[in-house]
Structures are given as C-alpha cells and as structure tokens.
Amino acid sequence: MDQLSIKDQTIPYEERRSARYRRITLSILEDRLRISAPKNVSVKQLQELLLAKQEWILKHWLAKQAVLKRPARYSDGEHFLYRGKTVELKIRRHPRQRIRVYLEGQELEVYLSQDLEDKDCAPHVQKALLSWYKAQARRVLQDKLEKQAERMQVCFQTFRLKEQKTSWGSCSSKRNVNLNWRIIMAPDAGIDYIIIHELAHLTHLNHSEQFWLRVAVFMPEYAYWKKWFKDHGQELRL
C-alpha cells in the first residue's frame, strides 16, 4: 500500500480503478485513504488531485483518528449516536437500586442509585447503555424488517440480533436474517438499506447484477448508503 505524507502525518492510501466509476472520489477509512477513479484517469491526474486536496485529507484523517482513539468514559455530558442523531448522556441519581435508561429528546438519561459512589459509576453506565441499545435495536429492527419484508413480498424464517465484527447483516439459505445491533446508531435510511440488502438475498443469495437491481428497486439511493457504511461504520460503537 502506498503512503501519502502531509506535514508530519503519514497516511496509507490505496487506489481503486473501475470502468463503473464516473469520477474520482476520496474516502477516509479507518486505516487508510481510498482513491476511487475511472480507468482512464492518469497517474498524473491523481497526484495533482492529492496535492490539491491535502488540507481536506489531513483534516478528515485527523478527525477520524481522533474518534477511533478516544475511549468512551461513560460520564455526564458525553455524546453517543442513536438512529443517526447525537444524544447527550445525562447521569441522574435516584433512591432505587435498579438502573434505568430513558431517551428524552436529545438526552440519554441513565438513572443510578444514589448510594453508588462516583468512581464506580462508569462500568454500570456502560452495561446499562449496552443493554438499552440492544433492546432498542431488537424493537426497531424487528419492526423495520417486517415492514420491508411485506413491501418486498418475501418471507424470512427467523430474526436474530448479532454483534458481528465484520458484517452489518447476513442472510442464510434457511431464510434466517441476522442483523448487527450497532446499526441502530446509523440513520434510519441506512438501517433500511441494510435490511433491504439482506432481504434481497432471499431472492438472490449472491451479489450478482440481478441482486443489486432488486436492491435498487426498493432503495434507488443504495450506493450512497453502501459507501456510507464503509466510511462511517467504525463510528457506530459505544
């Protein structure tokens, strides 16, 4: 993999060429810069673009790395994603022992026992948030899955919530659909794309041209969301 040096930063980058590409695009991924270009674009044109876009590349590369390296503290005022929107964590105290989580507008409220010491709060908040996010994912994804299945006139066998490290969803030959709970952090249209993608596999259990044509019928803008998950997927985490 080639490397790009901008000021004191060394940024790995890769080139992707295809006759399907209509223009040159730059994507900041988790561990590299990706340059996608039509086959007829010369090396000189790519180098000139990289030079012209140095400030943009550096700014977005540093922003991406900052997000990836910053560990969650699970403390009051911290921000998380839920269905594409930023929500602010608010730690509340109450006399009960049971921990409760509520979403009120743009505030994600976690109620902890007033007897719990401040230094012991973070693990309890983390566990409570994980449980809450998975519960919301099960509810929202099940509802969306059933509605899209009816719209696409297909039937799935079972739905399971997963935490796949390298996949947002999967569909088996037995018509079982698995969805990664972390997609609940993505915008609703992005969630719909993942679900439509998996349900399309009930008709075409591959990624053939016919498969993508079927996806396009139910989500014409699928290419945008396909790229969105490649570029932003690593941000969907607690």
Protein backbone atom coordinates (compact mmCIF):
# COMPACT_ATOMS: atom_id res chain seq x y z
CA MET A 1 0.00 0.00 0.00
CA ASP A 2 1.30 3.45 -0.93
CA GLN A 3 1.73 6.24 1.59
CA LEU A 4 0.98 9.93 1.48
CA SER A 5 2.99 12.38 3.60
CA ILE A 6 1.24 15.58 4.67
CA LYS A 7 3.10 17.71 7.19
CA ASP A 8 4.01 15.30 10.00
CA GLN A 9 1.37 12.70 9.09
CA THR A 10 1.92 9.54 7.06
CA ILE A 11 -1.36 8.33 5.59
CA PRO A 12 -1.62 4.94 3.85
CA TYR A 13 -3.68 5.02 0.69
CA GLU A 14 -4.97 2.67 -1.95
CA GLU A 15 -6.22 3.17 -5.48
CA ARG A 16 -9.29 1.51 -6.92
CA ARG A 17 -9.94 1.60 -10.65
CA SER A 18 -13.12 0.62 -12.43
CA ALA A 19 -14.93 1.41 -15.64
CA ARG A 20 -18.06 1.78 -13.48
CA TYR A 21 -16.65 4.86 -11.74
CA ARG A 22 -17.70 8.13 -13.34
CA ARG A 23 -15.45 10.44 -11.31
CA ILE A 24 -12.62 10.47 -8.79
CA THR A 25 -13.69 10.18 -5.16
CA LEU A 26 -11.70 10.27 -1.93
CA SER A 27 -12.82 8.27 1.12
CA ILE A 28 -11.27 8.41 4.57
CA LEU A 29 -11.43 4.90 6.01
CA GLU A 30 -10.39 3.64 9.42
CA ASP A 31 -6.82 2.82 8.43
CA ARG A 32 -6.29 4.36 5.01
CA LEU A 33 -7.30 6.84 2.34
CA ARG A 34 -9.09 5.29 -0.61
CA ILE A 35 -8.97 6.82 -4.09
CA SER A 36 -11.62 5.53 -6.47
CA ALA A 37 -11.19 6.56 -10.10
CA PRO A 38 -12.24 5.66 -13.64
CA LYS A 39 -9.75 3.55 -15.55
CA ASN A 40 -8.89 6.33 -17.99
CA VAL A 41 -7.65 8.76 -15.31
CA SER A 42 -3.88 9.14 -15.45
CA VAL A 43 -1.46 8.81 -12.54
CA LYS A 44 -0.56 12.47 -13.02
CA GLN A 45 -4.21 13.50 -12.58
CA LEU A 46 -4.44 11.52 -9.35
CA GLN A 47 -1.26 13.06 -7.99
CA GLU A 48 -2.48 16.55 -8.84
CA LEU A 49 -5.76 15.86 -7.05
CA LEU A 50 -3.96 14.55 -3.95
CA LEU A 51 -1.83 17.67 -3.89
CA ALA A 52 -4.84 19.97 -4.26
CA LYS A 53 -6.78 18.11 -1.56
CA GLN A 54 -4.01 17.88 1.04
CA GLU A 55 -5.69 20.15 3.58
CA TRP A 56 -9.03 18.34 3.23
CA ILE A 57 -7.37 14.93 3.52
CA LEU A 58 -5.36 15.90 6.61
CA LYS A 59 -8.33 17.49 8.36
CA HIS A 60 -10.62 14.49 7.87
CA TRP A 61 -7.88 11.94 8.57
CA LEU A 62 -7.07 13.54 11.93
CA ALA A 63 -10.77 13.81 12.79
CA LYS A 64 -11.27 10.13 12.00
CA GLN A 65 -8.27 9.06 14.07
CA ALA A 66 -9.43 11.19 16.99
CA VAL A 67 -12.79 9.42 17.01
CA LEU A 68 -11.18 5.98 16.81
CA LYS A 69 -8.65 6.60 19.58
CA ARG A 70 -10.94 8.34 22.02
CA PRO A 71 -12.25 5.82 24.55
CA ALA A 72 -15.70 6.32 25.98
CA ARG A 73 -15.66 7.47 29.61
CA TYR A 74 -19.40 6.92 30.20
CA SER A 75 -19.58 10.18 32.07
CA ASP A 76 -22.11 13.01 32.20
CA GLY A 77 -22.10 15.16 29.06
CA GLU A 78 -20.56 12.56 26.75
CA HIS A 79 -22.13 12.09 23.32
CA PHE A 80 -23.30 8.96 21.55
CA LEU A 81 -25.15 8.13 18.33
CA TYR A 82 -28.69 6.82 18.14
CA ARG A 83 -30.55 6.42 14.85
CA GLY A 84 -28.23 8.89 13.16
CA LYS A 85 -28.55 11.63 15.77
CA THR A 86 -26.19 12.71 18.51
CA VAL A 87 -27.57 12.23 22.01
CA GLU A 88 -26.03 13.55 25.21
CA LEU A 89 -25.50 11.27 28.18
CA LYS A 90 -27.00 12.55 31.40
CA ILE A 91 -26.28 10.79 34.69
CA ARG A 92 -29.13 11.09 37.18
CA ARG A 93 -29.44 9.80 40.73
CA HIS A 94 -32.48 8.19 42.32
CA PRO A 95 -33.20 6.29 45.55
CA ARG A 96 -33.82 2.95 43.83
CA GLN A 97 -31.15 0.28 43.32
CA ARG A 98 -32.24 -0.61 39.79
CA ILE A 99 -30.53 1.25 36.94
CA ARG A 100 -32.86 2.77 34.38
CA VAL A 101 -32.25 4.33 30.96
CA TYR A 102 -34.57 6.78 29.19
CA LEU A 103 -34.28 8.77 25.98
CA GLU A 104 -35.80 12.21 26.45
CA GLY A 105 -35.42 14.32 23.34
CA GLN A 106 -31.69 14.52 22.67
CA GLU A 107 -30.72 13.44 26.19
CA LEU A 108 -29.97 9.83 27.08
CA GLU A 109 -30.67 9.67 30.79
CA VAL A 110 -29.17 6.94 32.96
CA TYR A 111 -30.56 6.75 36.48
CA LEU A 112 -28.16 5.29 39.04
CA SER A 113 -28.65 4.53 42.71
CA GLN A 114 -27.72 7.46 44.89
CA ASP A 115 -25.76 5.01 47.04
CA LEU A 116 -23.32 4.23 44.19
CA GLU A 117 -20.03 6.10 44.51
CA ASP A 118 -18.96 8.30 41.61
CA LYS A 119 -15.77 6.33 40.99
CA ASP A 120 -17.80 3.14 40.47
CA CYS A 121 -20.33 4.59 38.02
CA ALA A 122 -18.68 4.08 34.61
CA PRO A 123 -18.94 0.24 34.40
CA HIS A 124 -22.59 0.37 35.47
CA VAL A 125 -23.37 3.07 32.89
CA GLN A 126 -21.59 1.10 30.16
CA LYS A 127 -23.53 -2.07 30.95
CA ALA A 128 -26.83 -0.18 31.13
CA LEU A 129 -26.24 1.56 27.79
CA LEU A 130 -25.30 -1.69 26.06
CA SER A 131 -28.47 -3.35 27.34
CA TRP A 132 -30.60 -0.35 26.33
CA TYR A 133 -29.10 -0.10 22.83
CA LYS A 134 -29.66 -3.80 22.19
CA ALA A 135 -33.24 -3.60 23.43
CA GLN A 136 -33.94 -0.63 21.13
CA ALA A 137 -32.25 -2.42 18.24
CA ARG A 138 -34.37 -5.53 18.72
CA ARG A 139 -37.58 -3.48 18.76
CA VAL A 140 -36.76 -1.10 15.88
CA LEU A 141 -35.07 -3.63 13.61
CA GLN A 142 -37.82 -6.22 14.05
CA ASP A 143 -40.43 -3.64 13.10
CA LYS A 144 -38.47 -2.40 10.09
CA LEU A 145 -37.68 -5.95 8.98
CA GLU A 146 -41.33 -6.99 9.00
CA LYS A 147 -42.44 -3.86 7.13
CA GLN A 148 -39.75 -4.17 4.46
CA ALA A 149 -40.43 -7.89 4.05
CA GLU A 150 -44.09 -7.14 3.40
CA ARG A 151 -43.13 -4.38 0.98
CA MET A 152 -40.72 -6.67 -0.88
CA GLN A 153 -43.18 -9.58 -0.71
CA VAL A 154 -40.71 -12.00 0.85
CA CYS A 155 -40.84 -14.15 3.99
CA PHE A 156 -37.94 -14.72 6.38
CA GLN A 157 -37.74 -17.55 8.87
CA THR A 158 -36.15 -16.04 11.97
CA PHE A 159 -34.53 -12.78 13.00
CA ARG A 160 -31.53 -12.71 15.32
CA LEU A 161 -29.65 -9.78 16.79
CA LYS A 162 -25.88 -10.22 16.46
CA GLU A 163 -22.65 -8.39 17.19
CA GLN A 164 -20.68 -9.28 14.08
CA LYS A 165 -17.24 -7.73 13.86
CA THR A 166 -17.01 -7.62 10.07
CA SER A 167 -20.61 -7.60 8.89
CA TRP A 168 -23.73 -5.48 9.34
CA GLY A 169 -26.03 -8.33 8.50
CA SER A 170 -26.36 -11.73 6.90
CA CYS A 171 -29.00 -13.98 5.38
CA SER A 172 -28.73 -17.76 5.23
CA SER A 173 -30.11 -20.29 2.75
CA LYS A 174 -32.55 -21.27 5.52
CA ARG A 175 -34.03 -17.76 5.26
CA ASN A 176 -32.70 -16.64 8.62
CA VAL A 177 -31.79 -12.95 8.88
CA ASN A 178 -29.10 -11.70 11.27
CA LEU A 179 -28.60 -8.00 11.93
CA ASN A 180 -25.80 -6.29 13.82
CA TRP A 181 -27.30 -4.38 16.75
CA ARG A 182 -24.87 -1.49 16.16
CA ILE A 183 -26.76 -0.36 13.05
CA ILE A 184 -29.28 1.20 15.46
CA MET A 185 -26.74 4.04 15.69
CA ALA A 186 -26.98 4.72 11.94
CA PRO A 187 -29.57 6.99 10.29
CA ASP A 188 -32.93 5.32 9.64
CA ALA A 189 -32.35 5.29 5.87
CA GLY A 190 -29.05 3.50 6.47
CA ILE A 191 -30.81 0.91 8.63
CA ASP A 192 -33.37 0.42 5.86
CA TYR A 193 -30.55 -0.15 3.35
CA ILE A 194 -29.01 -2.95 5.45
CA ILE A 195 -32.41 -4.60 5.90
CA ILE A 196 -33.34 -4.32 2.22
CA HIS A 197 -29.90 -5.68 1.32
CA GLU A 198 -30.41 -8.77 3.48
CA LEU A 199 -33.99 -9.34 2.38
CA ALA A 200 -32.90 -9.13 -1.26
CA HIS A 201 -30.76 -12.19 -0.55
CA LEU A 202 -33.98 -14.16 -0.07
CA THR A 203 -34.40 -13.78 -3.83
CA HIS A 204 -30.73 -13.80 -4.87
CA LEU A 205 -28.34 -15.45 -2.41
CA ASN A 206 -25.35 -13.72 -4.02
CA HIS A 207 -24.18 -10.27 -5.08
CA SER A 208 -24.96 -10.64 -8.76
CA GLU A 209 -26.17 -7.86 -11.02
CA GLN A 210 -29.73 -9.15 -10.54
CA PHE A 211 -29.28 -8.85 -6.77
CA TRP A 212 -28.25 -5.18 -6.94
CA LEU A 213 -31.04 -4.42 -9.38
CA ARG A 214 -33.52 -5.78 -6.85
CA VAL A 215 -31.97 -3.70 -4.06
CA ALA A 216 -32.25 -0.63 -6.32
CA VAL A 217 -35.96 -1.22 -6.86
CA PHE A 218 -36.62 -0.73 -3.15
CA MET A 219 -33.81 1.73 -2.42
CA PRO A 220 -32.64 3.66 -5.51
CA GLU A 221 -30.01 5.50 -3.42
CA TYR A 222 -28.45 2.25 -2.12
CA ALA A 223 -24.98 3.17 -3.47
CA TYR A 224 -24.85 6.18 -1.14
CA TRP A 225 -25.59 4.07 1.93
CA LYS A 226 -23.31 1.27 0.85
CA LYS A 227 -20.47 3.80 0.76
CA TRP A 228 -21.69 5.48 3.98
CA PHE A 229 -21.23 2.30 5.98
CA LYS A 230 -17.75 1.82 4.53
CA ASP A 231 -16.78 5.35 5.52
CA HIS A 232 -18.61 5.68 8.84
CA GLY A 233 -19.17 2.16 10.08
CA GLN A 234 -16.34 2.35 12.61
CA GLU A 235 -18.10 5.26 14.30
CA LEU A 236 -21.07 3.06 15.20
CA ARG A 237 -19.84 1.92 18.59
CA LEU A 238 -20.29 2.62 22.26
